[in-house]
Amino acid sequence: MTILEYFSEHWVQAFLWGFACFVVSWTGLHVACSTLRRFMRMLCVLIRGWPPSHLDADGDWKPEPKE
């Protein structure tokens, strides 16, 4: 019996197996992309510093100085 014959007879198991593979691969891709995005953010903050001159420490725009 080949795997195609088995899955044609047991289509519910085939669907659940395919769904599980999709979830595992999507989750792994999501974790990898999130990790890369956080790493790139860390590098940008290390290189450029935080906060930039036009923002205060929590990221809000600084008020215009009063003359």
C-alpha atoms as a PDB file:
ATOM      1  CA  MET A   1       0.000   0.000   0.000  1.00  0.00           C
ATOM      2  CA  THR A   2       1.436   3.357  -1.012  1.00  0.00           C
ATOM      3  CA  ILE A   3       0.997   6.538   0.947  1.00  0.00           C
ATOM      4  CA  LEU A   4      -1.419   7.890  -1.670  1.00  0.00           C
ATOM      5  CA  GLU A   5      -3.625   4.824  -1.353  1.00  0.00           C
ATOM      6  CA  TYR A   6      -3.531   5.065   2.434  1.00  0.00           C
ATOM      7  CA  PHE A   7      -4.466   8.759   2.440  1.00  0.00           C
ATOM      8  CA  SER A   8      -7.226   8.222  -0.122  1.00  0.00           C
ATOM      9  CA  GLU A   9      -8.783   5.657   2.218  1.00  0.00           C
ATOM     10  CA  HIS A  10      -8.145   7.712   5.381  1.00  0.00           C
ATOM     11  CA  TRP A  11      -8.745  11.233   4.152  1.00  0.00           C
ATOM     12  CA  VAL A  12      -9.487  12.668   7.609  1.00  0.00           C
ATOM     13  CA  GLN A  13      -6.053  11.620   8.848  1.00  0.00           C
ATOM     14  CA  ALA A  14      -4.523  13.025   5.664  1.00  0.00           C
ATOM     15  CA  PHE A  15      -6.227  16.371   6.244  1.00  0.00           C
ATOM     16  CA  LEU A  16      -5.176  16.513   9.901  1.00  0.00           C
ATOM     17  CA  TRP A  17      -1.610  15.530   9.028  1.00  0.00           C
ATOM     18  CA  GLY A  18      -1.431  18.200   6.327  1.00  0.00           C
ATOM     19  CA  PHE A  19      -2.897  20.819   8.630  1.00  0.00           C
ATOM     20  CA  ALA A  20      -0.409  19.933  11.381  1.00  0.00           C
ATOM     21  CA  CYS A  21       2.491  20.228   8.915  1.00  0.00           C
ATOM     22  CA  PHE A  22       1.200  23.623   7.779  1.00  0.00           C
ATOM     23  CA  VAL A  23       0.888  24.940  11.345  1.00  0.00           C
ATOM     24  CA  VAL A  24       4.355  23.710  12.315  1.00  0.00           C
ATOM     25  CA  SER A  25       6.001  25.213   9.232  1.00  0.00           C
ATOM     26  CA  TRP A  26       4.113  28.524   9.540  1.00  0.00           C
ATOM     27  CA  THR A  27       5.004  28.802  13.231  1.00  0.00           C
ATOM     28  CA  GLY A  28       8.657  28.128  12.504  1.00  0.00           C
ATOM     29  CA  LEU A  29       8.676  30.752   9.759  1.00  0.00           C
ATOM     30  CA  HIS A  30       6.948  33.255  12.042  1.00  0.00           C
ATOM     31  CA  VAL A  31       9.483  32.706  14.823  1.00  0.00           C
ATOM     32  CA  ALA A  32      12.396  33.037  12.395  1.00  0.00           C
ATOM     33  CA  CYS A  33      11.054  36.276  10.905  1.00  0.00           C
ATOM     34  CA  SER A  34      10.265  37.745  14.326  1.00  0.00           C
ATOM     35  CA  THR A  35      13.738  36.920  15.564  1.00  0.00           C
ATOM     36  CA  LEU A  36      15.344  38.503  12.508  1.00  0.00           C
ATOM     37  CA  ARG A  37      13.155  41.618  12.836  1.00  0.00           C
ATOM     38  CA  ARG A  38      14.068  42.053  16.537  1.00  0.00           C
ATOM     39  CA  PHE A  39      17.764  41.563  15.733  1.00  0.00           C
ATOM     40  CA  MET A  40      17.650  44.204  12.983  1.00  0.00           C
ATOM     41  CA  ARG A  41      15.830  46.601  15.341  1.00  0.00           C
ATOM     42  CA  MET A  42      18.521  46.042  17.969  1.00  0.00           C
ATOM     43  CA  LEU A  43      21.246  46.842  15.432  1.00  0.00           C
ATOM     44  CA  CYS A  44      19.496  50.036  14.333  1.00  0.00           C
ATOM     45  CA  VAL A  45      19.152  51.246  17.931  1.00  0.00           C
ATOM     46  CA  LEU A  46      22.792  50.384  18.654  1.00  0.00           C
ATOM     47  CA  ILE A  47      24.024  52.220  15.564  1.00  0.00           C
ATOM     48  CA  ARG A  48      21.763  55.284  15.645  1.00  0.00           C
ATOM     49  CA  GLY A  49      20.959  55.501  19.341  1.00  0.00           C
ATOM     50  CA  TRP A  50      17.628  56.164  20.982  1.00  0.00           C
ATOM     51  CA  PRO A  51      15.832  58.497  21.096  1.00  0.00           C
ATOM     52  CA  PRO A  52      16.460  60.577  18.007  1.00  0.00           C
ATOM     53  CA  SER A  53      16.728  64.308  18.586  1.00  0.00           C
ATOM     54  CA  HIS A  54      13.111  65.059  17.577  1.00  0.00           C
ATOM     55  CA  LEU A  55      11.573  62.543  20.072  1.00  0.00           C
ATOM     56  CA  ASP A  56      11.549  62.277  23.853  1.00  0.00           C
ATOM     57  CA  ALA A  57      12.532  59.080  25.722  1.00  0.00           C
ATOM     58  CA  ASP A  58       9.199  57.263  25.241  1.00  0.00           C
ATOM     59  CA  GLY A  59       8.916  58.090  21.526  1.00  0.00           C
ATOM     60  CA  ASP A  60       6.541  61.067  21.644  1.00  0.00           C
ATOM     61  CA  TRP A  61       7.254  64.187  19.634  1.00  0.00           C
ATOM     62  CA  LYS A  62       9.060  66.844  21.649  1.00  0.00           C
ATOM     63  CA  PRO A  63       7.127  70.051  22.115  1.00  0.00           C
ATOM     64  CA  GLU A  64       8.374  73.119  20.288  1.00  0.00           C
ATOM     65  CA  PRO A  65      10.528  75.290  22.560  1.00  0.00           C
ATOM     66  CA  LYS A  66       8.790  78.454  23.740  1.00  0.00           C
ATOM     67  CA  GLU A  67      10.611  81.692  23.044  1.00  0.00           C
END
